[in-house]
């Protein structure tokens, strides 16, 4: 329950950071600005999600290890690619970052309370 609560709070903060950055920019900020606002939280909570693979592996949850692993590690690849981008490389990808940030955050804000019951 504590894990689910922590993830819920963390992803809520990531969603808020994304929306606040977009609101402050009056629309779509540049990719660097958006990732600077939302990326640290998304990175942190996505890395913490590795525990879901552990939970599946040790039988704490009924989720299949393979499916959980693919989901978590594919997200980690995207997070680390974004963390490694230069300012020049990040130009023009703000719509991707916004879509990813909002989709992941909304999904997790709904999912974690459900699993925490």
C-alpha atoms as a PDB file:
ATOM      1  CA  UNK A   1       0.000   0.000   0.000  1.00  0.00           C
ATOM      2  CA  UNK A   2       2.861   2.408   0.827  1.00  0.00           C
ATOM      3  CA  UNK A   3       4.483   1.756  -2.556  1.00  0.00           C
ATOM      4  CA  UNK A   4       1.227   2.518  -4.386  1.00  0.00           C
ATOM      5  CA  UNK A   5       0.660   5.676  -2.343  1.00  0.00           C
ATOM      6  CA  UNK A   6       4.206   6.893  -3.024  1.00  0.00           C
ATOM      7  CA  UNK A   7       3.829   6.253  -6.763  1.00  0.00           C
ATOM      8  CA  UNK A   8       0.421   7.984  -6.797  1.00  0.00           C
ATOM      9  CA  UNK A   9       1.835  11.088  -5.115  1.00  0.00           C
ATOM     10  CA  UNK A  10       4.953  11.098  -7.307  1.00  0.00           C
ATOM     11  CA  UNK A  11       3.086  10.731 -10.582  1.00  0.00           C
ATOM     12  CA  UNK A  12       0.572  13.382  -9.464  1.00  0.00           C
ATOM     13  CA  UNK A  13       3.490  15.762  -8.965  1.00  0.00           C
ATOM     14  CA  UNK A  14       4.908  14.846 -12.403  1.00  0.00           C
ATOM     15  CA  UNK A  15       1.523  15.561 -14.000  1.00  0.00           C
ATOM     16  CA  UNK A  16       1.271  18.871 -12.138  1.00  0.00           C
ATOM     17  CA  UNK A  17       4.789  19.866 -13.254  1.00  0.00           C
ATOM     18  CA  UNK A  18       3.909  19.111 -16.886  1.00  0.00           C
ATOM     19  CA  UNK A  19       0.645  21.046 -16.794  1.00  0.00           C
ATOM     20  CA  UNK A  20       2.192  23.978 -14.905  1.00  0.00           C
ATOM     21  CA  UNK A  21       5.045  24.258 -17.393  1.00  0.00           C
ATOM     22  CA  UNK A  22       2.637  24.210 -20.318  1.00  0.00           C
ATOM     23  CA  UNK A  23       0.356  26.768 -18.651  1.00  0.00           C
ATOM     24  CA  UNK A  24       3.280  29.080 -17.856  1.00  0.00           C
ATOM     25  CA  UNK A  25       4.386  28.924 -21.488  1.00  0.00           C
ATOM     26  CA  UNK A  26       0.862  29.650 -22.686  1.00  0.00           C
ATOM     27  CA  UNK A  27       0.848  26.435 -24.689  1.00  0.00           C
ATOM     28  CA  UNK A  28       3.664  24.190 -25.797  1.00  0.00           C
ATOM     29  CA  UNK A  29       7.039  25.108 -24.284  1.00  0.00           C
ATOM     30  CA  UNK A  30      10.235  23.942 -25.925  1.00  0.00           C
ATOM     31  CA  UNK A  31      11.350  20.374 -25.269  1.00  0.00           C
ATOM     32  CA  UNK A  32      14.237  21.318 -23.000  1.00  0.00           C
ATOM     33  CA  UNK A  33      12.067  23.519 -20.805  1.00  0.00           C
ATOM     34  CA  UNK A  34       9.346  20.870 -20.534  1.00  0.00           C
ATOM     35  CA  UNK A  35      11.748  18.017 -19.712  1.00  0.00           C
ATOM     36  CA  UNK A  36      13.560  20.256 -17.215  1.00  0.00           C
ATOM     37  CA  UNK A  37      10.234  20.760 -15.410  1.00  0.00           C
ATOM     38  CA  UNK A  38       8.780  17.256 -15.630  1.00  0.00           C
ATOM     39  CA  UNK A  39      11.754  15.011 -16.334  1.00  0.00           C
ATOM     40  CA  UNK A  40      13.298  14.732 -12.872  1.00  0.00           C
ATOM     41  CA  UNK A  41      10.041  13.499 -11.349  1.00  0.00           C
ATOM     42  CA  UNK A  42       9.232  11.205 -14.238  1.00  0.00           C
ATOM     43  CA  UNK A  43      12.749   9.749 -14.123  1.00  0.00           C
ATOM     44  CA  UNK A  44      12.612   9.177 -10.381  1.00  0.00           C
ATOM     45  CA  UNK A  45       9.213   7.504 -10.325  1.00  0.00           C
ATOM     46  CA  UNK A  46       9.879   5.435 -13.413  1.00  0.00           C
ATOM     47  CA  UNK A  47      13.117   4.104 -11.900  1.00  0.00           C
ATOM     48  CA  UNK A  48      11.190   3.345  -8.714  1.00  0.00           C
ATOM     49  CA  UNK A  49       8.800   1.249 -10.854  1.00  0.00           C
ATOM     50  CA  UNK A  50      11.579  -1.342 -11.215  1.00  0.00           C
ATOM     51  CA  UNK A  51      10.201  -2.550  -7.888  1.00  0.00           C
ATOM     52  CA  UNK A  52       7.122  -3.754  -9.787  1.00  0.00           C
ATOM     53  CA  UNK A  53       9.305  -6.260 -11.612  1.00  0.00           C
ATOM     54  CA  UNK A  54      10.739  -7.366  -8.278  1.00  0.00           C
ATOM     55  CA  UNK A  55       7.248  -7.635  -6.771  1.00  0.00           C
ATOM     56  CA  UNK A  56       6.131  -9.806  -9.698  1.00  0.00           C
ATOM     57  CA  UNK A  57       9.279 -11.945  -9.529  1.00  0.00           C
ATOM     58  CA  UNK A  58       8.856 -12.736  -5.831  1.00  0.00           C
ATOM     59  CA  UNK A  59       5.110 -13.355  -6.100  1.00  0.00           C
ATOM     60  CA  UNK A  60       3.886 -10.286  -4.187  1.00  0.00           C
ATOM     61  CA  UNK A  61       1.566  -9.503  -7.118  1.00  0.00           C
ATOM     62  CA  UNK A  62       0.032 -11.716  -9.781  1.00  0.00           C
ATOM     63  CA  UNK A  63       1.454  -9.697 -12.678  1.00  0.00           C
ATOM     64  CA  UNK A  64       3.583 -11.626 -15.166  1.00  0.00           C
ATOM     65  CA  UNK A  65       7.274 -10.805 -14.769  1.00  0.00           C
ATOM     66  CA  UNK A  66       7.951 -10.629 -18.518  1.00  0.00           C
ATOM     67  CA  UNK A  67       5.148  -8.231 -19.355  1.00  0.00           C
ATOM     68  CA  UNK A  68       5.891  -6.033 -16.362  1.00  0.00           C
ATOM     69  CA  UNK A  69       9.587  -6.012 -17.209  1.00  0.00           C
ATOM     70  CA  UNK A  70       9.005  -5.019 -20.824  1.00  0.00           C
ATOM     71  CA  UNK A  71       6.725  -2.149 -19.806  1.00  0.00           C
ATOM     72  CA  UNK A  72       9.032  -0.803 -17.117  1.00  0.00           C
ATOM     73  CA  UNK A  73      12.278  -1.157 -19.032  1.00  0.00           C
ATOM     74  CA  UNK A  74      10.892   0.241 -22.298  1.00  0.00           C
ATOM     75  CA  UNK A  75       9.847   3.350 -20.389  1.00  0.00           C
ATOM     76  CA  UNK A  76      13.278   3.542 -18.775  1.00  0.00           C
ATOM     77  CA  UNK A  77      14.896   3.521 -22.217  1.00  0.00           C
ATOM     78  CA  UNK A  78      12.775   6.514 -23.261  1.00  0.00           C
ATOM     79  CA  UNK A  79      13.498   8.334 -19.999  1.00  0.00           C
ATOM     80  CA  UNK A  80      17.242   7.825 -20.314  1.00  0.00           C
ATOM     81  CA  UNK A  81      17.247   8.862 -23.990  1.00  0.00           C
ATOM     82  CA  UNK A  82      15.515  12.100 -22.970  1.00  0.00           C
ATOM     83  CA  UNK A  83      17.923  12.582 -20.062  1.00  0.00           C
ATOM     84  CA  UNK A  84      20.842  12.290 -22.485  1.00  0.00           C
ATOM     85  CA  UNK A  85      19.637  14.719 -25.147  1.00  0.00           C
ATOM     86  CA  UNK A  86      21.464  17.934 -25.862  1.00  0.00           C
ATOM     87  CA  UNK A  87      19.571  21.189 -26.254  1.00  0.00           C
ATOM     88  CA  UNK A  88      19.956  20.938 -30.043  1.00  0.00           C
ATOM     89  CA  UNK A  89      18.626  17.369 -30.083  1.00  0.00           C
ATOM     90  CA  UNK A  90      15.627  18.312 -27.924  1.00  0.00           C
ATOM     91  CA  UNK A  91      14.377  20.949 -30.361  1.00  0.00           C
ATOM     92  CA  UNK A  92      10.979  20.128 -31.754  1.00  0.00           C
ATOM     93  CA  UNK A  93      10.169  17.174 -29.502  1.00  0.00           C
ATOM     94  CA  UNK A  94       8.083  19.064 -26.942  1.00  0.00           C
ATOM     95  CA  UNK A  95       4.831  17.553 -28.306  1.00  0.00           C
ATOM     96  CA  UNK A  96       6.277  14.059 -27.785  1.00  0.00           C
ATOM     97  CA  UNK A  97       7.454  14.910 -24.256  1.00  0.00           C
ATOM     98  CA  UNK A  98       4.089  16.468 -23.394  1.00  0.00           C
ATOM     99  CA  UNK A  99       2.119  13.512 -24.766  1.00  0.00           C
ATOM    100  CA  UNK A 100       4.358  11.001 -22.984  1.00  0.00           C
ATOM    101  CA  UNK A 101       4.338  12.921 -19.692  1.00  0.00           C
ATOM    102  CA  UNK A 102       0.581  13.401 -19.650  1.00  0.00           C
ATOM    103  CA  UNK A 103      -0.250   9.863 -20.828  1.00  0.00           C
ATOM    104  CA  UNK A 104       2.057   8.174 -18.338  1.00  0.00           C
ATOM    105  CA  UNK A 105       1.085  10.455 -15.453  1.00  0.00           C
ATOM    106  CA  UNK A 106      -2.667  10.152 -15.970  1.00  0.00           C
ATOM    107  CA  UNK A 107      -2.354   6.378 -16.343  1.00  0.00           C
ATOM    108  CA  UNK A 108      -0.354   6.025 -13.142  1.00  0.00           C
ATOM    109  CA  UNK A 109      -2.492   8.464 -11.130  1.00  0.00           C
ATOM    110  CA  UNK A 110      -5.499   6.254 -11.937  1.00  0.00           C
ATOM    111  CA  UNK A 111      -3.711   2.893 -11.664  1.00  0.00           C
ATOM    112  CA  UNK A 112      -1.892   3.141  -8.345  1.00  0.00           C
ATOM    113  CA  UNK A 113      -4.930   3.928  -6.167  1.00  0.00           C
ATOM    114  CA  UNK A 114      -6.741   1.025  -7.857  1.00  0.00           C
ATOM    115  CA  UNK A 115      -3.945  -1.429  -7.020  1.00  0.00           C
ATOM    116  CA  UNK A 116      -3.510   0.026  -3.550  1.00  0.00           C
ATOM    117  CA  UNK A 117      -7.004  -1.012  -2.445  1.00  0.00           C
END
